[in-house]
Amino acid sequence: MARRLSNVVGFDDAPFPRHAREVRLIGTVCARTRLDGVLSSVVTRDGDDATDRMIELVRGSHFDGHIQAVLLQGIAVAGFNVVDIHRLSESLERPVLVVARRAPNLEAIRQALERTGEGWDAKWRLIEAAGPMERLALPPRLLASEVWVQRAGLDLVEALDLCLVTNLHGALPEPLRLAHLIAGGVTTGESRGRA
């Protein structure tokens, strides 16, 4: 029997200029699609502190006891600050689901990561350790026919259920859409684009 995971936090980074050293990270805490709270911090652009920051945000919040899963829009924030999804899942003792609209071009990602310089190979190992992205078929009521996921601490059936219970109408779960909109709005003065 698959677990019903409906109370989640979705993390996304804010837009940032090329010269930025720190990037705003927003977490939206939702019960299904209802926004219950917002978490906020900063991470280093192309750094290695995203996993620790997410753990601190969840553990340090009064939402810690309610959050059942973590959603990420992509495995990296703030450029190439790669999240260790397995350590995040183990530290928080709850599943982590990475959601993307399309499967990534891993060779292009590796080449871009190599250009970031020292420490790129450790980040590449985190991307490899997360496993290949898996296609999830979505029901016809949603605007997209599929999303791609990586997961830690949950099976594919639970991943699909989590996407469905946290989705209003688009491709991405609502907590990720909200985190994207809030991050853009607080950083640039207004939200732009789609999540």
C-alpha atoms as a PDB file:
ATOM      1  CA  MET A   1       0.000   0.000   0.000  1.00  0.00           C
ATOM      2  CA  ALA A   2       1.476   3.318  -1.091  1.00  0.00           C
ATOM      3  CA  ARG A   3       1.750   6.133   1.467  1.00  0.00           C
ATOM      4  CA  ARG A   4      -0.455   9.181   0.937  1.00  0.00           C
ATOM      5  CA  LEU A   5       1.942  12.129   0.997  1.00  0.00           C
ATOM      6  CA  SER A   6       0.096  15.437   0.817  1.00  0.00           C
ATOM      7  CA  ASN A   7       1.847  17.908   3.149  1.00  0.00           C
ATOM      8  CA  VAL A   8       5.014  19.026   1.407  1.00  0.00           C
ATOM      9  CA  VAL A   9       7.600  21.743   1.003  1.00  0.00           C
ATOM     10  CA  GLY A  10       8.586  22.763  -2.514  1.00  0.00           C
ATOM     11  CA  PHE A  11      11.910  24.559  -3.056  1.00  0.00           C
ATOM     12  CA  ASP A  12      12.959  26.837  -5.893  1.00  0.00           C
ATOM     13  CA  ASP A  13      15.596  29.511  -6.296  1.00  0.00           C
ATOM     14  CA  ALA A  14      15.064  33.135  -7.260  1.00  0.00           C
ATOM     15  CA  PRO A  15      16.311  34.732 -10.446  1.00  0.00           C
ATOM     16  CA  PHE A  16      19.842  36.075 -10.057  1.00  0.00           C
ATOM     17  CA  PRO A  17      22.345  38.102 -12.059  1.00  0.00           C
ATOM     18  CA  ARG A  18      25.549  36.449 -13.300  1.00  0.00           C
ATOM     19  CA  HIS A  19      27.685  38.298 -10.747  1.00  0.00           C
ATOM     20  CA  ALA A  20      25.565  37.245  -7.743  1.00  0.00           C
ATOM     21  CA  ARG A  21      27.370  35.440  -4.939  1.00  0.00           C
ATOM     22  CA  GLU A  22      24.231  34.532  -2.995  1.00  0.00           C
ATOM     23  CA  VAL A  23      20.847  33.485  -4.335  1.00  0.00           C
ATOM     24  CA  ARG A  24      17.492  33.562  -2.521  1.00  0.00           C
ATOM     25  CA  LEU A  25      15.964  30.122  -1.865  1.00  0.00           C
ATOM     26  CA  ILE A  26      12.215  29.890  -1.261  1.00  0.00           C
ATOM     27  CA  GLY A  27      10.325  26.956   0.202  1.00  0.00           C
ATOM     28  CA  THR A  28       6.541  26.824   0.055  1.00  0.00           C
ATOM     29  CA  VAL A  29       4.795  24.618   2.588  1.00  0.00           C
ATOM     30  CA  CYS A  30       1.534  23.254   1.244  1.00  0.00           C
ATOM     31  CA  ALA A  31      -1.209  20.864   2.251  1.00  0.00           C
ATOM     32  CA  ARG A  32      -1.987  19.418  -1.161  1.00  0.00           C
ATOM     33  CA  THR A  33      -2.406  22.666  -3.147  1.00  0.00           C
ATOM     34  CA  ARG A  34      -3.177  25.053  -0.259  1.00  0.00           C
ATOM     35  CA  LEU A  35      -0.301  27.334   0.715  1.00  0.00           C
ATOM     36  CA  ASP A  36       0.294  27.136   4.472  1.00  0.00           C
ATOM     37  CA  GLY A  37       3.632  28.909   4.817  1.00  0.00           C
ATOM     38  CA  VAL A  38       6.838  30.177   3.256  1.00  0.00           C
ATOM     39  CA  LEU A  39      10.469  29.445   4.186  1.00  0.00           C
ATOM     40  CA  SER A  40      13.334  31.613   2.958  1.00  0.00           C
ATOM     41  CA  SER A  41      17.120  31.614   3.048  1.00  0.00           C
ATOM     42  CA  VAL A  42      20.097  32.136   0.752  1.00  0.00           C
ATOM     43  CA  VAL A  43      22.501  29.703  -0.893  1.00  0.00           C
ATOM     44  CA  THR A  44      25.812  30.239  -2.666  1.00  0.00           C
ATOM     45  CA  ARG A  45      25.725  30.508  -6.441  1.00  0.00           C
ATOM     46  CA  ASP A  46      27.421  27.375  -7.839  1.00  0.00           C
ATOM     47  CA  GLY A  47      28.232  26.416  -4.239  1.00  0.00           C
ATOM     48  CA  ASP A  48      27.666  23.272  -2.202  1.00  0.00           C
ATOM     49  CA  ASP A  49      25.402  24.444   0.617  1.00  0.00           C
ATOM     50  CA  ALA A  50      21.913  23.829  -0.829  1.00  0.00           C
ATOM     51  CA  THR A  51      21.359  20.476   0.879  1.00  0.00           C
ATOM     52  CA  ASP A  52      22.410  21.813   4.289  1.00  0.00           C
ATOM     53  CA  ARG A  53      20.305  24.946   3.879  1.00  0.00           C
ATOM     54  CA  MET A  54      17.173  22.952   3.013  1.00  0.00           C
ATOM     55  CA  ILE A  55      17.702  20.689   6.027  1.00  0.00           C
ATOM     56  CA  GLU A  56      18.135  23.742   8.288  1.00  0.00           C
ATOM     57  CA  LEU A  57      15.038  25.442   6.881  1.00  0.00           C
ATOM     58  CA  VAL A  58      12.789  22.438   7.418  1.00  0.00           C
ATOM     59  CA  ARG A  59      14.219  21.394  10.815  1.00  0.00           C
ATOM     60  CA  GLY A  60      14.227  24.982  12.108  1.00  0.00           C
ATOM     61  CA  SER A  61      10.632  25.729  11.144  1.00  0.00           C
ATOM     62  CA  HIS A  62       7.415  25.110  13.014  1.00  0.00           C
ATOM     63  CA  PHE A  63       6.267  23.187   9.903  1.00  0.00           C
ATOM     64  CA  ASP A  64       8.807  20.397  10.522  1.00  0.00           C
ATOM     65  CA  GLY A  65       6.264  18.061  12.088  1.00  0.00           C
ATOM     66  CA  HIS A  66       3.771  18.524   9.241  1.00  0.00           C
ATOM     67  CA  ILE A  67       5.992  18.200   6.179  1.00  0.00           C
ATOM     68  CA  GLN A  68       5.814  14.681   4.763  1.00  0.00           C
ATOM     69  CA  ALA A  69       7.920  15.134   1.607  1.00  0.00           C
ATOM     70  CA  VAL A  70      10.236  17.560  -0.180  1.00  0.00           C
ATOM     71  CA  LEU A  71       9.750  18.639  -3.799  1.00  0.00           C
ATOM     72  CA  LEU A  72      12.507  20.146  -5.937  1.00  0.00           C
ATOM     73  CA  GLN A  73      12.290  21.676  -9.386  1.00  0.00           C
ATOM     74  CA  GLY A  74      15.484  20.211 -10.732  1.00  0.00           C
ATOM     75  CA  ILE A  75      18.402  18.768  -8.793  1.00  0.00           C
ATOM     76  CA  ALA A  76      20.356  22.041  -8.600  1.00  0.00           C
ATOM     77  CA  VAL A  77      19.581  25.560  -7.397  1.00  0.00           C
ATOM     78  CA  ALA A  78      21.540  28.803  -7.782  1.00  0.00           C
ATOM     79  CA  GLY A  79      23.291  27.610 -10.909  1.00  0.00           C
ATOM     80  CA  PHE A  80      25.166  24.426 -10.032  1.00  0.00           C
ATOM     81  CA  ASN A  81      24.535  24.164  -6.288  1.00  0.00           C
ATOM     82  CA  VAL A  82      23.600  20.481  -6.583  1.00  0.00           C
ATOM     83  CA  VAL A  83      21.296  18.969  -3.967  1.00  0.00           C
ATOM     84  CA  ASP A  84      22.258  15.588  -2.509  1.00  0.00           C
ATOM     85  CA  ILE A  85      18.744  14.168  -2.609  1.00  0.00           C
ATOM     86  CA  HIS A  86      19.659  10.990  -0.734  1.00  0.00           C
ATOM     87  CA  ARG A  87      21.308  12.860   2.149  1.00  0.00           C
ATOM     88  CA  LEU A  88      18.391  15.317   2.206  1.00  0.00           C
ATOM     89  CA  SER A  89      15.922  12.432   2.424  1.00  0.00           C
ATOM     90  CA  GLU A  90      17.908  10.574   5.094  1.00  0.00           C
ATOM     91  CA  SER A  91      18.552  13.690   7.213  1.00  0.00           C
ATOM     92  CA  LEU A  92      14.914  14.788   7.163  1.00  0.00           C
ATOM     93  CA  GLU A  93      13.596  11.207   7.338  1.00  0.00           C
ATOM     94  CA  ARG A  94      11.137  11.856   4.532  1.00  0.00           C
ATOM     95  CA  PRO A  95      11.086  11.353   0.774  1.00  0.00           C
ATOM     96  CA  VAL A  96      12.475  13.787  -1.795  1.00  0.00           C
ATOM     97  CA  LEU A  97      11.077  14.107  -5.309  1.00  0.00           C
ATOM     98  CA  VAL A  98      12.802  16.057  -8.085  1.00  0.00           C
ATOM     99  CA  VAL A  99      10.372  17.110 -10.818  1.00  0.00           C
ATOM    100  CA  ALA A 100      11.191  18.471 -14.294  1.00  0.00           C
ATOM    101  CA  ARG A 101       9.128  19.216 -17.376  1.00  0.00           C
ATOM    102  CA  ARG A 102      11.537  17.333 -19.634  1.00  0.00           C
ATOM    103  CA  ALA A 103      14.415  14.894 -19.402  1.00  0.00           C
ATOM    104  CA  PRO A 104      17.736  16.731 -19.093  1.00  0.00           C
ATOM    105  CA  ASN A 105      20.583  16.612 -21.593  1.00  0.00           C
ATOM    106  CA  LEU A 106      23.134  15.045 -19.246  1.00  0.00           C
ATOM    107  CA  GLU A 107      26.085  15.516 -21.578  1.00  0.00           C
ATOM    108  CA  ALA A 108      25.389  19.263 -21.865  1.00  0.00           C
ATOM    109  CA  ILE A 109      24.995  19.463 -18.084  1.00  0.00           C
ATOM    110  CA  ARG A 110      28.300  17.665 -17.538  1.00  0.00           C
ATOM    111  CA  GLN A 111      30.121  19.981 -19.941  1.00  0.00           C
ATOM    112  CA  ALA A 112      28.666  23.081 -18.269  1.00  0.00           C
ATOM    113  CA  LEU A 113      29.509  21.690 -14.844  1.00  0.00           C
ATOM    114  CA  GLU A 114      33.126  21.036 -15.876  1.00  0.00           C
ATOM    115  CA  ARG A 115      33.448  24.712 -16.822  1.00  0.00           C
ATOM    116  CA  THR A 116      32.524  25.766 -13.267  1.00  0.00           C
ATOM    117  CA  GLY A 117      35.967  24.636 -12.119  1.00  0.00           C
ATOM    118  CA  GLU A 118      37.159  23.010  -8.928  1.00  0.00           C
ATOM    119  CA  GLY A 119      34.764  20.577  -7.291  1.00  0.00           C
ATOM    120  CA  TRP A 120      32.717  19.916 -10.401  1.00  0.00           C
ATOM    121  CA  ASP A 121      33.375  16.157 -10.224  1.00  0.00           C
ATOM    122  CA  ALA A 122      31.826  15.859  -6.734  1.00  0.00           C
ATOM    123  CA  LYS A 123      28.710  17.618  -8.016  1.00  0.00           C
ATOM    124  CA  TRP A 124      28.597  15.322 -11.027  1.00  0.00           C
ATOM    125  CA  ARG A 125      28.733  12.305  -8.697  1.00  0.00           C
ATOM    126  CA  LEU A 126      25.668  13.683  -6.838  1.00  0.00           C
ATOM    127  CA  ILE A 127      23.802  13.989 -10.134  1.00  0.00           C
ATOM    128  CA  GLU A 128      24.738  10.409 -11.054  1.00  0.00           C
ATOM    129  CA  ALA A 129      23.833   9.124  -7.573  1.00  0.00           C
ATOM    130  CA  ALA A 130      20.350  10.594  -7.933  1.00  0.00           C
ATOM    131  CA  GLY A 131      19.763   8.081 -10.721  1.00  0.00           C
ATOM    132  CA  PRO A 132      18.263   8.523 -14.164  1.00  0.00           C
ATOM    133  CA  MET A 133      15.164  10.644 -14.546  1.00  0.00           C
ATOM    134  CA  GLU A 134      12.026   8.570 -14.927  1.00  0.00           C
ATOM    135  CA  ARG A 135       9.015   9.513 -17.017  1.00  0.00           C
ATOM    136  CA  LEU A 136       5.690   9.884 -15.201  1.00  0.00           C
ATOM    137  CA  ALA A 137       2.586   9.874 -17.363  1.00  0.00           C
ATOM    138  CA  LEU A 138      -0.002  12.393 -16.164  1.00  0.00           C
ATOM    139  CA  PRO A 139      -3.778  12.100 -16.573  1.00  0.00           C
ATOM    140  CA  PRO A 140      -5.550  14.001 -19.385  1.00  0.00           C
ATOM    141  CA  ARG A 141      -7.055  16.568 -16.942  1.00  0.00           C
ATOM    142  CA  LEU A 142      -3.643  18.199 -16.617  1.00  0.00           C
ATOM    143  CA  LEU A 143      -2.089  20.522 -19.208  1.00  0.00           C
ATOM    144  CA  ALA A 144       0.997  18.341 -19.649  1.00  0.00           C
ATOM    145  CA  SER A 145       1.101  14.686 -20.571  1.00  0.00           C
ATOM    146  CA  GLU A 146       4.254  13.875 -18.613  1.00  0.00           C
ATOM    147  CA  VAL A 147       6.897  15.002 -16.160  1.00  0.00           C
ATOM    148  CA  TRP A 148      10.305  13.546 -15.383  1.00  0.00           C
ATOM    149  CA  VAL A 149      11.354  12.680 -11.840  1.00  0.00           C
ATOM    150  CA  GLN A 150      14.236  11.547  -9.680  1.00  0.00           C
ATOM    151  CA  ARG A 151      13.417  10.207  -6.261  1.00  0.00           C
ATOM    152  CA  ALA A 152      14.807   9.270  -2.883  1.00  0.00           C
ATOM    153  CA  GLY A 153      12.773   7.461  -0.250  1.00  0.00           C
ATOM    154  CA  LEU A 154       9.667   6.745  -2.324  1.00  0.00           C
ATOM    155  CA  ASP A 155       8.661   4.434  -5.126  1.00  0.00           C
ATOM    156  CA  LEU A 156       7.323   5.379  -8.554  1.00  0.00           C
ATOM    157  CA  VAL A 157       3.671   4.833  -7.562  1.00  0.00           C
ATOM    158  CA  GLU A 158       4.100   7.159  -4.565  1.00  0.00           C
ATOM    159  CA  ALA A 159       5.863   9.690  -6.796  1.00  0.00           C
ATOM    160  CA  LEU A 160       2.945   9.753  -9.230  1.00  0.00           C
ATOM    161  CA  ASP A 161       0.422  10.034  -6.388  1.00  0.00           C
ATOM    162  CA  LEU A 162       2.415  12.896  -4.837  1.00  0.00           C
ATOM    163  CA  CYS A 163       2.468  14.746  -8.169  1.00  0.00           C
ATOM    164  CA  LEU A 164      -1.270  14.271  -8.587  1.00  0.00           C
ATOM    165  CA  VAL A 165      -2.385  15.352  -5.094  1.00  0.00           C
ATOM    166  CA  THR A 166      -0.233  18.501  -5.210  1.00  0.00           C
ATOM    167  CA  ASN A 167      -1.182  19.518  -8.755  1.00  0.00           C
ATOM    168  CA  LEU A 168      -3.987  21.901  -9.716  1.00  0.00           C
ATOM    169  CA  HIS A 169      -3.816  21.917 -13.495  1.00  0.00           C
ATOM    170  CA  GLY A 170      -0.290  22.302 -14.879  1.00  0.00           C
ATOM    171  CA  ALA A 171       2.710  20.096 -15.330  1.00  0.00           C
ATOM    172  CA  LEU A 172       4.389  20.869 -12.019  1.00  0.00           C
ATOM    173  CA  PRO A 173       3.097  20.397  -8.478  1.00  0.00           C
ATOM    174  CA  GLU A 174       1.587  23.572  -7.021  1.00  0.00           C
ATOM    175  CA  PRO A 175       4.229  23.959  -4.262  1.00  0.00           C
ATOM    176  CA  LEU A 176       6.908  24.278  -6.959  1.00  0.00           C
ATOM    177  CA  ARG A 177       4.834  26.716  -9.013  1.00  0.00           C
ATOM    178  CA  LEU A 178       4.228  28.854  -5.921  1.00  0.00           C
ATOM    179  CA  ALA A 179       7.897  28.786  -4.863  1.00  0.00           C
ATOM    180  CA  HIS A 180       8.875  29.935  -8.353  1.00  0.00           C
ATOM    181  CA  LEU A 181       6.370  32.808  -8.344  1.00  0.00           C
ATOM    182  CA  ILE A 182       7.242  33.964  -4.823  1.00  0.00           C
ATOM    183  CA  ALA A 183      10.999  33.765  -5.446  1.00  0.00           C
ATOM    184  CA  GLY A 184      10.665  35.902  -8.559  1.00  0.00           C
ATOM    185  CA  GLY A 185       8.333  38.390  -6.936  1.00  0.00           C
ATOM    186  CA  VAL A 186      10.426  39.053  -3.830  1.00  0.00           C
ATOM    187  CA  THR A 187      13.655  39.321  -5.845  1.00  0.00           C
ATOM    188  CA  THR A 188      12.695  41.334  -8.916  1.00  0.00           C
ATOM    189  CA  GLY A 189       9.524  43.054  -7.761  1.00  0.00           C
ATOM    190  CA  GLU A 190       7.202  40.868  -9.804  1.00  0.00           C
ATOM    191  CA  SER A 191       6.961  37.262 -10.828  1.00  0.00           C
ATOM    192  CA  ARG A 192       7.600  36.333 -14.433  1.00  0.00           C
ATOM    193  CA  GLY A 193       7.384  33.281 -16.607  1.00  0.00           C
ATOM    194  CA  ARG A 194       6.013  29.918 -15.785  1.00  0.00           C
ATOM    195  CA  ALA A 195       7.285  27.555 -13.167  1.00  0.00           C
END
